Full PDB file with SEQRES, HELIX, SHEET, SSBOND, CRYST1, ORIGX, SCALE, CONECT and MASTER records, all heavy atoms in Angstrom:
SEQRES   1 A   37  GLU ILE ARG ASN VAL ILE ALA ILE LYS ILE ALA PRO PHE          
SEQRES   2 A   37  ASN ARG TYR GLN THR ILE ASP VAL VAL ARG ALA ILE VAL          
SEQRES   3 A   37  GLU SER GLY ARG ASP ASP VAL VAL LEU TYR THR                  
HELIX    1 AA1 ARG A   15  SER A   28  1                                  14    
SHEET    1 AA1 2 ALA A   7  LYS A   9  0                                        
SHEET    2 AA1 2 VAL A  34  TYR A  36  1                                        
CRYST1    1.000    1.000    1.000  90.00  90.00  90.00 P 1           1          
ORIGX1      1.000000  0.000000  0.000000        0.00000                         
ORIGX2      0.000000  1.000000  0.000000        0.00000                         
ORIGX3      0.000000  0.000000  1.000000        0.00000                         
SCALE1      1.000000  0.000000  0.000000        0.00000                         
SCALE2      0.000000  1.000000  0.000000        0.00000                         
SCALE3      0.000000  0.000000  1.000000        0.00000                         
ATOM      1  N   GLU A   1      82.177  98.077 109.022  1.00  0.00           N  
ATOM      2  CA  GLU A   1      82.466  98.535 107.674  1.00  0.00           C  
ATOM      3  C   GLU A   1      81.868  99.908 107.380  1.00  0.00           C  
ATOM      4  O   GLU A   1      82.164 100.508 106.341  1.00  0.00           O  
ATOM      5  CB  GLU A   1      81.948  97.504 106.658  1.00  0.00           C  
ATOM      6  CG  GLU A   1      82.662  96.167 106.757  1.00  0.00           C  
ATOM      7  CD  GLU A   1      82.033  95.090 105.890  1.00  0.00           C  
ATOM      8  OE1 GLU A   1      81.095  95.427 105.125  1.00  0.00           O  
ATOM      9  OE2 GLU A   1      82.475  93.928 105.974  1.00  0.00           O  
ATOM     10  N   ILE A   2      81.037 100.424 108.289  1.00  0.00           N  
ATOM     11  CA  ILE A   2      80.449 101.753 108.125  1.00  0.00           C  
ATOM     12  C   ILE A   2      81.511 102.785 108.536  1.00  0.00           C  
ATOM     13  O   ILE A   2      81.920 102.834 109.698  1.00  0.00           O  
ATOM     14  CB  ILE A   2      79.172 101.904 108.970  1.00  0.00           C  
ATOM     15  CG1 ILE A   2      78.143 100.843 108.556  1.00  0.00           C  
ATOM     16  CG2 ILE A   2      78.590 103.310 108.829  1.00  0.00           C  
ATOM     17  CD1 ILE A   2      76.926 100.771 109.481  1.00  0.00           C  
ATOM     18  N   ARG A   3      81.930 103.603 107.620  1.00  0.00           N  
ATOM     19  CA  ARG A   3      83.112 104.445 107.877  1.00  0.00           C  
ATOM     20  C   ARG A   3      82.899 105.462 108.981  1.00  0.00           C  
ATOM     21  O   ARG A   3      83.830 105.807 109.699  1.00  0.00           O  
ATOM     22  CB  ARG A   3      83.521 105.182 106.579  1.00  0.00           C  
ATOM     23  CG  ARG A   3      83.966 104.289 105.453  1.00  0.00           C  
ATOM     24  CD  ARG A   3      84.973 103.236 105.868  1.00  0.00           C  
ATOM     25  NE  ARG A   3      86.165 103.788 106.536  1.00  0.00           N  
ATOM     26  CZ  ARG A   3      87.083 103.053 107.117  1.00  0.00           C  
ATOM     27  NH1 ARG A   3      86.971 101.734 107.161  1.00  0.00           N  
ATOM     28  NH2 ARG A   3      88.135 103.619 107.676  1.00  0.00           N  
ATOM     29  N   ASN A   4      81.688 105.966 109.132  1.00  0.00           N  
ATOM     30  CA  ASN A   4      81.473 107.017 110.131  1.00  0.00           C  
ATOM     31  C   ASN A   4      81.116 106.461 111.505  1.00  0.00           C  
ATOM     32  O   ASN A   4      80.633 107.185 112.366  1.00  0.00           O  
ATOM     33  CB  ASN A   4      80.383 107.997 109.664  1.00  0.00           C  
ATOM     34  CG  ASN A   4      80.626 109.412 110.175  1.00  0.00           C  
ATOM     35  OD1 ASN A   4      81.756 109.781 110.509  1.00  0.00           O  
ATOM     36  ND2 ASN A   4      79.576 110.204 110.247  1.00  0.00           N  
ATOM     37  N   VAL A   5      81.368 105.187 111.718  1.00  0.00           N  
ATOM     38  CA  VAL A   5      81.300 104.605 113.066  1.00  0.00           C  
ATOM     39  C   VAL A   5      82.586 104.980 113.798  1.00  0.00           C  
ATOM     40  O   VAL A   5      83.691 104.728 113.291  1.00  0.00           O  
ATOM     41  CB  VAL A   5      81.148 103.074 113.005  1.00  0.00           C  
ATOM     42  CG1 VAL A   5      81.412 102.451 114.372  1.00  0.00           C  
ATOM     43  CG2 VAL A   5      79.752 102.698 112.521  1.00  0.00           C  
ATOM     44  N   ILE A   6      82.435 105.570 114.973  1.00  0.00           N  
ATOM     45  CA  ILE A   6      83.632 105.988 115.708  1.00  0.00           C  
ATOM     46  C   ILE A   6      83.872 105.169 116.973  1.00  0.00           C  
ATOM     47  O   ILE A   6      84.995 105.127 117.483  1.00  0.00           O  
ATOM     48  CB  ILE A   6      83.587 107.487 116.076  1.00  0.00           C  
ATOM     49  CG1 ILE A   6      82.380 107.816 116.979  1.00  0.00           C  
ATOM     50  CG2 ILE A   6      83.591 108.346 114.820  1.00  0.00           C  
ATOM     51  CD1 ILE A   6      82.425 109.222 117.549  1.00  0.00           C  
ATOM     52  N   ALA A   7      82.828 104.513 117.476  1.00  0.00           N  
ATOM     53  CA  ALA A   7      82.976 103.762 118.726  1.00  0.00           C  
ATOM     54  C   ALA A   7      81.815 102.799 118.878  1.00  0.00           C  
ATOM     55  O   ALA A   7      80.823 102.861 118.144  1.00  0.00           O  
ATOM     56  CB  ALA A   7      83.040 104.710 119.923  1.00  0.00           C  
ATOM     57  N   ILE A   8      81.933 101.900 119.853  1.00  0.00           N  
ATOM     58  CA  ILE A   8      80.849 100.988 120.215  1.00  0.00           C  
ATOM     59  C   ILE A   8      80.756 100.932 121.731  1.00  0.00           C  
ATOM     60  O   ILE A   8      81.770 100.732 122.421  1.00  0.00           O  
ATOM     61  CB  ILE A   8      81.072  99.575 119.655  1.00  0.00           C  
ATOM     62  CG1 ILE A   8      81.124  99.597 118.126  1.00  0.00           C  
ATOM     63  CG2 ILE A   8      79.970  98.627 120.123  1.00  0.00           C  
ATOM     64  CD1 ILE A   8      81.524  98.269 117.511  1.00  0.00           C  
ATOM     65  N   LYS A   9      79.542 101.122 122.220  1.00  0.00           N  
ATOM     66  CA  LYS A   9      79.255 100.888 123.631  1.00  0.00           C  
ATOM     67  C   LYS A   9      78.789  99.446 123.772  1.00  0.00           C  
ATOM     68  O   LYS A   9      77.746  99.065 123.238  1.00  0.00           O  
ATOM     69  CB  LYS A   9      78.177 101.846 124.139  1.00  0.00           C  
ATOM     70  CG  LYS A   9      77.686 101.490 125.543  1.00  0.00           C  
ATOM     71  CD  LYS A   9      76.608 102.424 126.053  1.00  0.00           C  
ATOM     72  CE  LYS A   9      76.052 101.911 127.390  1.00  0.00           C  
ATOM     73  NZ  LYS A   9      75.138 102.851 128.027  1.00  0.00           N  
ATOM     74  N   ILE A  10      79.574  98.645 124.484  1.00  0.00           N  
ATOM     75  CA  ILE A  10      79.287  97.216 124.636  1.00  0.00           C  
ATOM     76  C   ILE A  10      78.539  97.013 125.951  1.00  0.00           C  
ATOM     77  O   ILE A  10      79.124  97.128 127.026  1.00  0.00           O  
ATOM     78  CB  ILE A  10      80.589  96.403 124.626  1.00  0.00           C  
ATOM     79  CG1 ILE A  10      81.448  96.764 123.412  1.00  0.00           C  
ATOM     80  CG2 ILE A  10      80.284  94.912 124.655  1.00  0.00           C  
ATOM     81  CD1 ILE A  10      82.847  96.164 123.442  1.00  0.00           C  
ATOM     82  N   ALA A  11      77.239  96.715 125.856  1.00  0.00           N  
ATOM     83  CA  ALA A  11      76.427  96.628 127.074  1.00  0.00           C  
ATOM     84  C   ALA A  11      75.446  95.459 127.074  1.00  0.00           C  
ATOM     85  O   ALA A  11      74.298  95.605 127.473  1.00  0.00           O  
ATOM     86  CB  ALA A  11      75.665  97.938 127.277  1.00  0.00           C  
ATOM     87  N   PRO A  12      75.875  94.252 126.647  1.00  0.00           N  
ATOM     88  CA  PRO A  12      74.955  93.117 126.716  1.00  0.00           C  
ATOM     89  C   PRO A  12      74.892  92.470 128.093  1.00  0.00           C  
ATOM     90  O   PRO A  12      74.055  91.587 128.321  1.00  0.00           O  
ATOM     91  CB  PRO A  12      75.526  92.146 125.690  1.00  0.00           C  
ATOM     92  CG  PRO A  12      76.996  92.405 125.728  1.00  0.00           C  
ATOM     93  CD  PRO A  12      77.128  93.897 125.964  1.00  0.00           C  
ATOM     94  N   PHE A  13      75.784  92.893 129.025  1.00  0.00           N  
ATOM     95  CA  PHE A  13      75.884  92.265 130.345  1.00  0.00           C  
ATOM     96  C   PHE A  13      76.116  90.760 130.193  1.00  0.00           C  
ATOM     97  O   PHE A  13      75.525  89.938 130.891  1.00  0.00           O  
ATOM     98  CB  PHE A  13      74.622  92.523 131.175  1.00  0.00           C  
ATOM     99  CG  PHE A  13      74.504  93.914 131.745  1.00  0.00           C  
ATOM    100  CD1 PHE A  13      74.803  95.026 130.975  1.00  0.00           C  
ATOM    101  CD2 PHE A  13      74.079  94.116 133.046  1.00  0.00           C  
ATOM    102  CE1 PHE A  13      74.693  96.309 131.485  1.00  0.00           C  
ATOM    103  CE2 PHE A  13      73.962  95.394 133.571  1.00  0.00           C  
ATOM    104  CZ  PHE A  13      74.269  96.487 132.793  1.00  0.00           C  
ATOM    105  N   ASN A  14      76.995  90.384 129.258  1.00  0.00           N  
ATOM    106  CA  ASN A  14      77.219  88.983 128.943  1.00  0.00           C  
ATOM    107  C   ASN A  14      78.621  88.865 128.365  1.00  0.00           C  
ATOM    108  O   ASN A  14      78.959  89.548 127.396  1.00  0.00           O  
ATOM    109  CB  ASN A  14      76.155  88.518 127.928  1.00  0.00           C  
ATOM    110  CG  ASN A  14      76.306  87.070 127.533  1.00  0.00           C  
ATOM    111  OD1 ASN A  14      77.260  86.689 126.875  1.00  0.00           O  
ATOM    112  ND2 ASN A  14      75.334  86.259 127.926  1.00  0.00           N  
ATOM    113  N   ARG A  15      79.437  87.987 128.930  1.00  0.00           N  
ATOM    114  CA  ARG A  15      80.837  87.899 128.508  1.00  0.00           C  
ATOM    115  C   ARG A  15      80.961  87.343 127.091  1.00  0.00           C  
ATOM    116  O   ARG A  15      81.793  87.794 126.304  1.00  0.00           O  
ATOM    117  CB  ARG A  15      81.642  87.016 129.469  1.00  0.00           C  
ATOM    118  CG  ARG A  15      81.536  87.400 130.942  1.00  0.00           C  
ATOM    119  CD  ARG A  15      81.638  88.894 131.185  1.00  0.00           C  
ATOM    120  NE  ARG A  15      82.938  89.457 130.865  1.00  0.00           N  
ATOM    121  CZ  ARG A  15      83.158  90.750 130.613  1.00  0.00           C  
ATOM    122  NH1 ARG A  15      82.155  91.613 130.624  1.00  0.00           N  
ATOM    123  NH2 ARG A  15      84.364  91.182 130.344  1.00  0.00           N  
ATOM    124  N   TYR A  16      80.142  86.349 126.745  1.00  0.00           N  
ATOM    125  CA  TYR A  16      80.217  85.779 125.401  1.00  0.00           C  
ATOM    126  C   TYR A  16      79.927  86.843 124.348  1.00  0.00           C  
ATOM    127  O   TYR A  16      80.605  86.952 123.325  1.00  0.00           O  
ATOM    128  CB  TYR A  16      79.209  84.635 125.239  1.00  0.00           C  
ATOM    129  CG  TYR A  16      79.379  83.490 126.209  1.00  0.00           C  
ATOM    130  CD1 TYR A  16      78.397  83.214 127.165  1.00  0.00           C  
ATOM    131  CD2 TYR A  16      80.507  82.672 126.163  1.00  0.00           C  
ATOM    132  CE1 TYR A  16      78.543  82.161 128.047  1.00  0.00           C  
ATOM    133  CE2 TYR A  16      80.654  81.614 127.052  1.00  0.00           C  
ATOM    134  CZ  TYR A  16      79.671  81.358 127.993  1.00  0.00           C  
ATOM    135  OH  TYR A  16      79.808  80.319 128.870  1.00  0.00           O  
ATOM    136  N   GLN A  17      78.896  87.632 124.597  1.00  0.00           N  
ATOM    137  CA  GLN A  17      78.474  88.642 123.627  1.00  0.00           C  
ATOM    138  C   GLN A  17      79.447  89.815 123.591  1.00  0.00           C  
ATOM    139  O   GLN A  17      79.642  90.437 122.540  1.00  0.00           O  
ATOM    140  CB  GLN A  17      77.049  89.081 123.947  1.00  0.00           C  
ATOM    141  CG  GLN A  17      76.047  87.965 123.702  1.00  0.00           C  
ATOM    142  CD  GLN A  17      74.773  88.093 124.506  1.00  0.00           C  
ATOM    143  OE1 GLN A  17      74.475  89.141 125.091  1.00  0.00           O  
ATOM    144  NE2 GLN A  17      74.001  87.013 124.560  1.00  0.00           N  
ATOM    145  N   THR A  18      80.067  90.114 124.716  1.00  0.00           N  
ATOM    146  CA  THR A  18      81.115  91.133 124.744  1.00  0.00           C  
ATOM    147  C   THR A  18      82.285  90.716 123.853  1.00  0.00           C  
ATOM    148  O   THR A  18      82.806  91.509 123.063  1.00  0.00           O  
ATOM    149  CB  THR A  18      81.590  91.371 126.188  1.00  0.00           C  
ATOM    150  OG1 THR A  18      80.512  91.938 126.946  1.00  0.00           O  
ATOM    151  CG2 THR A  18      82.788  92.301 126.243  1.00  0.00           C  
ATOM    152  N   ILE A  19      82.666  89.442 123.956  1.00  0.00           N  
ATOM    153  CA  ILE A  19      83.758  88.932 123.123  1.00  0.00           C  
ATOM    154  C   ILE A  19      83.388  89.006 121.644  1.00  0.00           C  
ATOM    155  O   ILE A  19      84.236  89.342 120.794  1.00  0.00           O  
ATOM    156  CB  ILE A  19      84.105  87.485 123.539  1.00  0.00           C  
ATOM    157  CG1 ILE A  19      84.786  87.497 124.912  1.00  0.00           C  
ATOM    158  CG2 ILE A  19      85.008  86.815 122.500  1.00  0.00           C  
ATOM    159  CD1 ILE A  19      84.963  86.116 125.518  1.00  0.00           C  
ATOM    160  N   ASP A  20      82.130  88.718 121.309  1.00  0.00           N  
ATOM    161  CA  ASP A  20      81.694  88.817 119.909  1.00  0.00           C  
ATOM    162  C   ASP A  20      82.020  90.187 119.322  1.00  0.00           C  
ATOM    163  O   ASP A  20      82.507  90.294 118.196  1.00  0.00           O  
ATOM    164  CB  ASP A  20      80.178  88.597 119.808  1.00  0.00           C  
ATOM    165  CG  ASP A  20      79.779  87.136 119.864  1.00  0.00           C  
ATOM    166  OD1 ASP A  20      80.650  86.257 119.682  1.00  0.00           O  
ATOM    167  OD2 ASP A  20      78.580  86.872 120.093  1.00  0.00           O  
ATOM    168  N   VAL A  21      81.719  91.238 120.084  1.00  0.00           N  
ATOM    169  CA  VAL A  21      81.931  92.596 119.585  1.00  0.00           C  
ATOM    170  C   VAL A  21      83.420  92.878 119.416  1.00  0.00           C  
ATOM    171  O   VAL A  21      83.859  93.362 118.356  1.00  0.00           O  
ATOM    172  CB  VAL A  21      81.308  93.644 120.525  1.00  0.00           C  
ATOM    173  CG1 VAL A  21      81.539  95.054 119.982  1.00  0.00           C  
ATOM    174  CG2 VAL A  21      79.816  93.402 120.708  1.00  0.00           C  
ATOM    175  N   VAL A  22      84.206  92.590 120.436  1.00  0.00           N  
ATOM    176  CA  VAL A  22      85.634  92.907 120.367  1.00  0.00           C  
ATOM    177  C   VAL A  22      86.299  92.124 119.240  1.00  0.00           C  
ATOM    178  O   VAL A  22      87.078  92.672 118.450  1.00  0.00           O  
ATOM    179  CB  VAL A  22      86.326  92.636 121.713  1.00  0.00           C  
ATOM    180  CG1 VAL A  22      87.804  93.027 121.627  1.00  0.00           C  
ATOM    181  CG2 VAL A  22      85.644  93.388 122.851  1.00  0.00           C  
ATOM    182  N   ARG A  23      85.980  90.836 119.127  1.00  0.00           N  
ATOM    183  CA  ARG A  23      86.580  90.019 118.062  1.00  0.00           C  
ATOM    184  C   ARG A  23      86.188  90.530 116.682  1.00  0.00           C  
ATOM    185  O   ARG A  23      87.019  90.578 115.766  1.00  0.00           O  
ATOM    186  CB  ARG A  23      86.164  88.554 118.230  1.00  0.00           C  
ATOM    187  CG  ARG A  23      86.826  87.621 117.233  1.00  0.00           C  
ATOM    188  CD  ARG A  23      86.621  86.166 117.623  1.00  0.00           C  
ATOM    189  NE  ARG A  23      85.231  85.761 117.497  1.00  0.00           N  
ATOM    190  CZ  ARG A  23      84.679  85.258 116.379  1.00  0.00           C  
ATOM    191  NH1 ARG A  23      85.415  85.135 115.270  1.00  0.00           N  
ATOM    192  NH2 ARG A  23      83.419  84.893 116.365  1.00  0.00           N  
ATOM    193  N   ALA A  24      84.938  90.932 116.541  1.00  0.00           N  
ATOM    194  CA  ALA A  24      84.492  91.454 115.243  1.00  0.00           C  
ATOM    195  C   ALA A  24      85.264  92.702 114.848  1.00  0.00           C  
ATOM    196  O   ALA A  24      85.662  92.860 113.681  1.00  0.00           O  
ATOM    197  CB  ALA A  24      82.990  91.750 115.296  1.00  0.00           C  
ATOM    198  N   ILE A  25      85.497  93.579 115.803  1.00  0.00           N  
ATOM    199  CA  ILE A  25      86.228  94.812 115.496  1.00  0.00           C  
ATOM    200  C   ILE A  25      87.698  94.514 115.204  1.00  0.00           C  
ATOM    201  O   ILE A  25      88.287  95.069 114.274  1.00  0.00           O  
ATOM    202  CB  ILE A  25      86.084  95.832 116.645  1.00  0.00           C  
ATOM    203  CG1 ILE A  25      84.619  96.207 116.847  1.00  0.00           C  
ATOM    204  CG2 ILE A  25      86.920  97.067 116.364  1.00  0.00           C  
ATOM    205  CD1 ILE A  25      83.915  96.713 115.598  1.00  0.00           C  
ATOM    206  N   VAL A  26      88.295  93.620 115.978  1.00  0.00           N  
ATOM    207  CA  VAL A  26      89.687  93.243 115.712  1.00  0.00           C  
ATOM    208  C   VAL A  26      89.817  92.652 114.312  1.00  0.00           C  
ATOM    209  O   VAL A  26      90.703  93.030 113.532  1.00  0.00           O  
ATOM    210  CB  VAL A  26      90.178  92.237 116.774  1.00  0.00           C  
ATOM    211  CG1 VAL A  26      91.510  91.608 116.336  1.00  0.00           C  
ATOM    212  CG2 VAL A  26      90.352  92.918 118.124  1.00  0.00           C  
ATOM    213  N   GLU A  27      88.923  91.724 113.966  1.00  0.00           N  
ATOM    214  CA  GLU A  27      89.034  91.028 112.684  1.00  0.00           C  
ATOM    215  C   GLU A  27      88.643  91.920 111.505  1.00  0.00           C  
ATOM    216  O   GLU A  27      88.980  91.609 110.355  1.00  0.00           O  
ATOM    217  CB  GLU A  27      88.217  89.741 112.720  1.00  0.00           C  
ATOM    218  CG  GLU A  27      88.803  88.734 113.709  1.00  0.00           C  
ATOM    219  CD  GLU A  27      88.054  87.425 113.770  1.00  0.00           C  
ATOM    220  OE1 GLU A  27      87.054  87.256 113.045  1.00  0.00           O  
ATOM    221  OE2 GLU A  27      88.472  86.552 114.560  1.00  0.00           O  
ATOM    222  N   SER A  28      87.960  93.032 111.794  1.00  0.00           N  
ATOM    223  CA  SER A  28      87.638  93.982 110.725  1.00  0.00           C  
ATOM    224  C   SER A  28      88.847  94.803 110.313  1.00  0.00           C  
ATOM    225  O   SER A  28      88.856  95.415 109.243  1.00  0.00           O  
ATOM    226  CB  SER A  28      86.531  94.942 111.189  1.00  0.00           C  
ATOM    227  OG  SER A  28      87.044  95.927 112.084  1.00  0.00           O  
ATOM    228  N   GLY A  29      89.859  94.861 111.178  1.00  0.00           N  
ATOM    229  CA  GLY A  29      91.030  95.686 110.922  1.00  0.00           C  
ATOM    230  C   GLY A  29      90.834  97.149 111.276  1.00  0.00           C  
ATOM    231  O   GLY A  29      91.742  97.963 111.071  1.00  0.00           O  
ATOM    232  N   ARG A  30      89.676  97.496 111.852  1.00  0.00           N  
ATOM    233  CA  ARG A  30      89.392  98.891 112.210  1.00  0.00           C  
ATOM    234  C   ARG A  30      89.994  99.232 113.573  1.00  0.00           C  
ATOM    235  O   ARG A  30      89.389  99.007 114.614  1.00  0.00           O  
ATOM    236  CB  ARG A  30      87.878  99.136 112.239  1.00  0.00           C  
ATOM    237  CG  ARG A  30      87.172  99.158 110.909  1.00  0.00           C  
ATOM    238  CD  ARG A  30      87.446 100.407 110.106  1.00  0.00           C  
ATOM    239  NE  ARG A  30      87.067 101.635 110.760  1.00  0.00           N  
ATOM    240  CZ  ARG A  30      85.845 102.182 110.705  1.00  0.00           C  
ATOM    241  NH1 ARG A  30      84.871 101.588 110.030  1.00  0.00           N  
ATOM    242  NH2 ARG A  30      85.599 103.329 111.303  1.00  0.00           N  
ATOM    243  N   ASP A  31      91.180  99.768 113.579  1.00  0.00           N  
ATOM    244  CA  ASP A  31      91.773 100.168 114.858  1.00  0.00           C  
ATOM    245  C   ASP A  31      91.330 101.564 115.273  1.00  0.00           C  
ATOM    246  O   ASP A  31      91.736 102.076 116.320  1.00  0.00           O  
ATOM    247  CB  ASP A  31      93.298 100.092 114.814  1.00  0.00           C  
ATOM    248  CG  ASP A  31      93.910 100.970 113.721  1.00  0.00           C  
ATOM    249  OD1 ASP A  31      93.163 101.726 113.056  1.00  0.00           O  
ATOM    250  OD2 ASP A  31      95.136 100.902 113.537  1.00  0.00           O  
ATOM    251  N   ASP A  32      90.463 102.205 114.434  1.00  0.00           N  
ATOM    252  CA  ASP A  32      89.963 103.531 114.762  1.00  0.00           C  
ATOM    253  C   ASP A  32      88.544 103.492 115.324  1.00  0.00           C  
ATOM    254  O   ASP A  32      87.962 104.545 115.589  1.00  0.00           O  
ATOM    255  CB  ASP A  32      90.002 104.437 113.534  1.00  0.00           C  
ATOM    256  CG  ASP A  32      89.135 103.933 112.387  1.00  0.00           C  
ATOM    257  OD1 ASP A  32      88.833 102.712 112.357  1.00  0.00           O  
ATOM    258  OD2 ASP A  32      88.763 104.743 111.518  1.00  0.00           O  
ATOM    259  N   VAL A  33      87.983 102.304 115.513  1.00  0.00           N  
ATOM    260  CA  VAL A  33      86.688 102.171 116.189  1.00  0.00           C  
ATOM    261  C   VAL A  33      86.986 101.897 117.660  1.00  0.00           C  
ATOM    262  O   VAL A  33      87.530 100.852 118.013  1.00  0.00           O  
ATOM    263  CB  VAL A  33      85.839 101.041 115.583  1.00  0.00           C  
ATOM    264  CG1 VAL A  33      84.556 100.839 116.404  1.00  0.00           C  
ATOM    265  CG2 VAL A  33      85.483 101.367 114.133  1.00  0.00           C  
ATOM    266  N   VAL A  34      86.651 102.851 118.507  1.00  0.00           N  
ATOM    267  CA  VAL A  34      87.030 102.790 119.916  1.00  0.00           C  
ATOM    268  C   VAL A  34      85.986 101.987 120.688  1.00  0.00           C  
ATOM    269  O   VAL A  34      84.779 102.136 120.471  1.00  0.00           O  
ATOM    270  CB  VAL A  34      87.156 104.208 120.504  1.00  0.00           C  
ATOM    271  CG1 VAL A  34      87.735 104.146 121.908  1.00  0.00           C  
ATOM    272  CG2 VAL A  34      88.036 105.078 119.600  1.00  0.00           C  
ATOM    273  N   LEU A  35      86.447 101.152 121.600  1.00  0.00           N  
ATOM    274  CA  LEU A  35      85.561 100.296 122.384  1.00  0.00           C  
ATOM    275  C   LEU A  35      85.339 100.899 123.765  1.00  0.00           C  
ATOM    276  O   LEU A  35      86.298 101.284 124.451  1.00  0.00           O  
ATOM    277  CB  LEU A  35      86.170  98.903 122.514  1.00  0.00           C  
ATOM    278  CG  LEU A  35      86.437  98.187 121.180  1.00  0.00           C  
ATOM    279  CD1 LEU A  35      87.181  96.889 121.419  1.00  0.00           C  
ATOM    280  CD2 LEU A  35      85.135  97.946 120.434  1.00  0.00           C  
ATOM    281  N   TYR A  36      84.071 100.968 124.147  1.00  0.00           N  
ATOM    282  CA  TYR A  36      83.683 101.486 125.463  1.00  0.00           C  
ATOM    283  C   TYR A  36      82.790 100.465 126.162  1.00  0.00           C  
ATOM    284  O   TYR A  36      81.975  99.799 125.513  1.00  0.00           O  
ATOM    285  CB  TYR A  36      82.938 102.829 125.326  1.00  0.00           C  
ATOM    286  CG  TYR A  36      83.878 103.999 125.483  1.00  0.00           C  
ATOM    287  CD1 TYR A  36      84.960 104.144 124.616  1.00  0.00           C  
ATOM    288  CD2 TYR A  36      83.737 104.923 126.505  1.00  0.00           C  
ATOM    289  CE1 TYR A  36      85.856 105.183 124.760  1.00  0.00           C  
ATOM    290  CE2 TYR A  36      84.632 105.976 126.661  1.00  0.00           C  
ATOM    291  CZ  TYR A  36      85.698 106.093 125.788  1.00  0.00           C  
ATOM    292  OH  TYR A  36      86.594 107.114 125.950  1.00  0.00           O  
ATOM    293  N   THR A  37      82.973 100.339 127.456  1.00  0.00           N  
ATOM    294  CA  THR A  37      82.114  99.432 128.201  1.00  0.00           C  
ATOM    295  C   THR A  37      80.806 100.114 128.595  1.00  0.00           C  
ATOM    296  O   THR A  37      80.795 101.273 128.995  1.00  0.00           O  
ATOM    297  CB  THR A  37      82.796  98.857 129.453  1.00  0.00           C  
ATOM    298  OG1 THR A  37      81.907  97.903 130.064  1.00  0.00           O  
ATOM    299  CG2 THR A  37      83.136  99.928 130.485  1.00  0.00           C  
TER     300      THR A  37                                                      
MASTER        0    0    0    1    2    0    0    6  299    1    0    3          
END                                                                             
C-alpha cells in the first residue's frame, strides 16, 4: 500500500514464504510492484 514501493527482492530461501510475498502483491492489485528473486 506504500505508493513509492517499486519492487520487492524475495530472499527468504523458503518456498512458503516466497508464496506469501507473491500472493500478497497479487491480492493488493499492485501490478506496478515488480518482483525480483
